[in-house]
Amino acid sequence: MSQDNMIKLECTVCKTTNYHSHKNKKTLKERLEMKKYCNKCKAHTIHKETK
């Protein structure tokens, strides 16, 4: 998979980048939001896609 499809997921509470993932940018136009575990917050928080 190319680097063009890579995205970073950032915690909305502490603003740290915790996860990297792939996304099909042709079918998903809006930014991705997932509820993931943050090691810094020690809780499940919403992570948003960043550039």
N, C-alpha and C. Protein backbone atom coordinates (compact mmCIF):
# COMPACT_ATOMS: atom_id res chain seq x y z
N MET A 1 0.84 -1.18 0.00
CA MET A 1 0.00 0.00 0.00
C MET A 1 0.89 1.24 0.00
N SER A 2 0.49 2.24 -0.74
CA SER A 2 1.32 3.44 -0.88
C SER A 2 1.18 4.35 0.34
N GLN A 3 2.11 5.27 0.44
CA GLN A 3 2.11 6.23 1.54
C GLN A 3 0.98 7.24 1.40
N ASP A 4 0.38 7.36 0.22
CA ASP A 4 -0.72 8.30 0.02
C ASP A 4 -1.94 7.93 0.84
N ASN A 5 -2.10 6.65 1.14
CA ASN A 5 -3.27 6.17 1.88
C ASN A 5 -3.06 6.13 3.38
N MET A 6 -1.87 6.48 3.85
CA MET A 6 -1.58 6.46 5.28
C MET A 6 -2.18 7.69 5.96
N ILE A 7 -2.76 7.48 7.15
CA ILE A 7 -3.29 8.57 7.95
C ILE A 7 -2.78 8.43 9.38
N LYS A 8 -2.75 9.55 10.11
CA LYS A 8 -2.38 9.54 11.52
C LYS A 8 -3.62 9.83 12.34
N LEU A 9 -3.76 9.15 13.47
CA LEU A 9 -4.89 9.38 14.37
C LEU A 9 -4.36 10.05 15.64
N GLU A 10 -4.96 11.20 15.98
CA GLU A 10 -4.52 12.00 17.10
C GLU A 10 -5.60 12.05 18.17
N CYS A 11 -5.20 11.93 19.42
CA CYS A 11 -6.12 11.99 20.55
C CYS A 11 -6.69 13.41 20.66
N THR A 12 -8.00 13.53 20.87
CA THR A 12 -8.61 14.84 20.96
C THR A 12 -8.42 15.48 22.34
N VAL A 13 -8.04 14.68 23.33
CA VAL A 13 -7.87 15.21 24.69
C VAL A 13 -6.44 15.74 24.89
N CYS A 14 -5.43 14.89 24.65
CA CYS A 14 -4.05 15.28 24.94
C CYS A 14 -3.24 15.64 23.68
N LYS A 15 -3.83 15.49 22.49
CA LYS A 15 -3.23 15.89 21.21
C LYS A 15 -1.96 15.13 20.84
N THR A 16 -1.83 13.88 21.28
CA THR A 16 -0.69 13.07 20.87
C THR A 16 -1.10 12.12 19.75
N THR A 17 -0.17 11.86 18.83
CA THR A 17 -0.42 10.93 17.73
C THR A 17 -0.10 9.52 18.22
N ASN A 18 -1.11 8.67 18.27
CA ASN A 18 -0.95 7.33 18.82
C ASN A 18 -1.03 6.23 17.78
N TYR A 19 -1.77 6.43 16.71
CA TYR A 19 -2.03 5.36 15.76
C TYR A 19 -1.79 5.83 14.33
N HIS A 20 -1.41 4.88 13.46
CA HIS A 20 -1.31 5.09 12.02
C HIS A 20 -2.20 4.04 11.37
N SER A 21 -2.87 4.43 10.28
CA SER A 21 -3.78 3.52 9.63
C SER A 21 -3.83 3.83 8.15
N HIS A 22 -4.58 3.01 7.40
CA HIS A 22 -4.80 3.21 5.97
C HIS A 22 -6.24 3.62 5.74
N LYS A 23 -6.45 4.41 4.68
CA LYS A 23 -7.80 4.84 4.36
C LYS A 23 -7.92 4.96 2.84
N ASN A 24 -9.04 4.50 2.31
CA ASN A 24 -9.32 4.68 0.89
C ASN A 24 -9.91 6.08 0.71
N LYS A 25 -9.10 6.99 0.17
CA LYS A 25 -9.50 8.39 0.07
C LYS A 25 -10.52 8.64 -1.04
N LYS A 26 -10.70 7.68 -1.94
CA LYS A 26 -11.70 7.85 -3.00
C LYS A 26 -13.11 7.60 -2.48
N THR A 27 -13.26 6.67 -1.53
CA THR A 27 -14.60 6.35 -1.02
C THR A 27 -14.93 7.11 0.26
N LEU A 28 -13.93 7.43 1.07
CA LEU A 28 -14.15 8.15 2.33
C LEU A 28 -13.60 9.56 2.21
N LYS A 29 -14.46 10.52 1.99
CA LYS A 29 -14.02 11.90 1.79
C LYS A 29 -13.84 12.65 3.12
N GLU A 30 -14.69 12.36 4.11
CA GLU A 30 -14.61 13.08 5.37
C GLU A 30 -13.50 12.50 6.25
N ARG A 31 -13.15 13.25 7.29
CA ARG A 31 -12.09 12.81 8.20
C ARG A 31 -12.60 11.69 9.11
N LEU A 32 -11.72 10.77 9.39
CA LEU A 32 -12.07 9.59 10.17
C LEU A 32 -12.02 9.91 11.67
N GLU A 33 -12.97 9.36 12.42
CA GLU A 33 -12.99 9.47 13.88
C GLU A 33 -13.21 8.08 14.46
N MET A 34 -12.37 7.71 15.42
CA MET A 34 -12.49 6.40 16.06
C MET A 34 -12.30 6.56 17.56
N LYS A 35 -12.92 5.68 18.32
CA LYS A 35 -12.70 5.65 19.75
C LYS A 35 -11.62 4.60 20.02
N LYS A 36 -10.43 5.07 20.42
CA LYS A 36 -9.28 4.19 20.63
C LYS A 36 -8.69 4.45 22.01
N TYR A 37 -7.79 3.56 22.43
CA TYR A 37 -7.14 3.69 23.73
C TYR A 37 -5.93 4.62 23.62
N CYS A 38 -5.82 5.56 24.52
CA CYS A 38 -4.68 6.48 24.57
C CYS A 38 -3.82 6.12 25.78
N ASN A 39 -2.51 5.86 25.54
CA ASN A 39 -1.62 5.50 26.64
C ASN A 39 -1.35 6.67 27.58
N LYS A 40 -1.34 7.86 27.04
CA LYS A 40 -1.05 9.03 27.87
C LYS A 40 -2.22 9.37 28.78
N CYS A 41 -3.45 9.28 28.25
CA CYS A 41 -4.66 9.58 29.04
C CYS A 41 -5.09 8.39 29.90
N LYS A 42 -4.64 7.20 29.53
CA LYS A 42 -5.03 5.95 30.22
C LYS A 42 -6.53 5.71 30.15
N ALA A 43 -7.13 6.04 28.99
CA ALA A 43 -8.57 5.85 28.80
C ALA A 43 -8.88 5.76 27.32
N HIS A 44 -10.08 5.30 27.01
CA HIS A 44 -10.55 5.28 25.63
C HIS A 44 -11.09 6.67 25.29
N THR A 45 -10.48 7.30 24.30
CA THR A 45 -10.89 8.63 23.87
C THR A 45 -11.11 8.65 22.37
N ILE A 46 -11.71 9.70 21.87
CA ILE A 46 -11.93 9.84 20.43
C ILE A 46 -10.64 10.31 19.78
N HIS A 47 -10.25 9.60 18.72
CA HIS A 47 -9.07 9.96 17.94
C HIS A 47 -9.53 10.42 16.57
N LYS A 48 -9.00 11.57 16.11
CA LYS A 48 -9.37 12.13 14.82
C LYS A 48 -8.19 12.05 13.86
N GLU A 49 -8.52 12.00 12.60
CA GLU A 49 -7.51 11.94 11.55
C GLU A 49 -6.83 13.30 11.40
N THR A 50 -5.50 13.27 11.26
CA THR A 50 -4.72 14.49 11.01
C THR A 50 -3.97 14.35 9.70
N LYS A 51 -3.38 15.41 9.24
CA LYS A 51 -2.62 15.38 7.98
C LYS A 51 -1.29 14.70 8.15
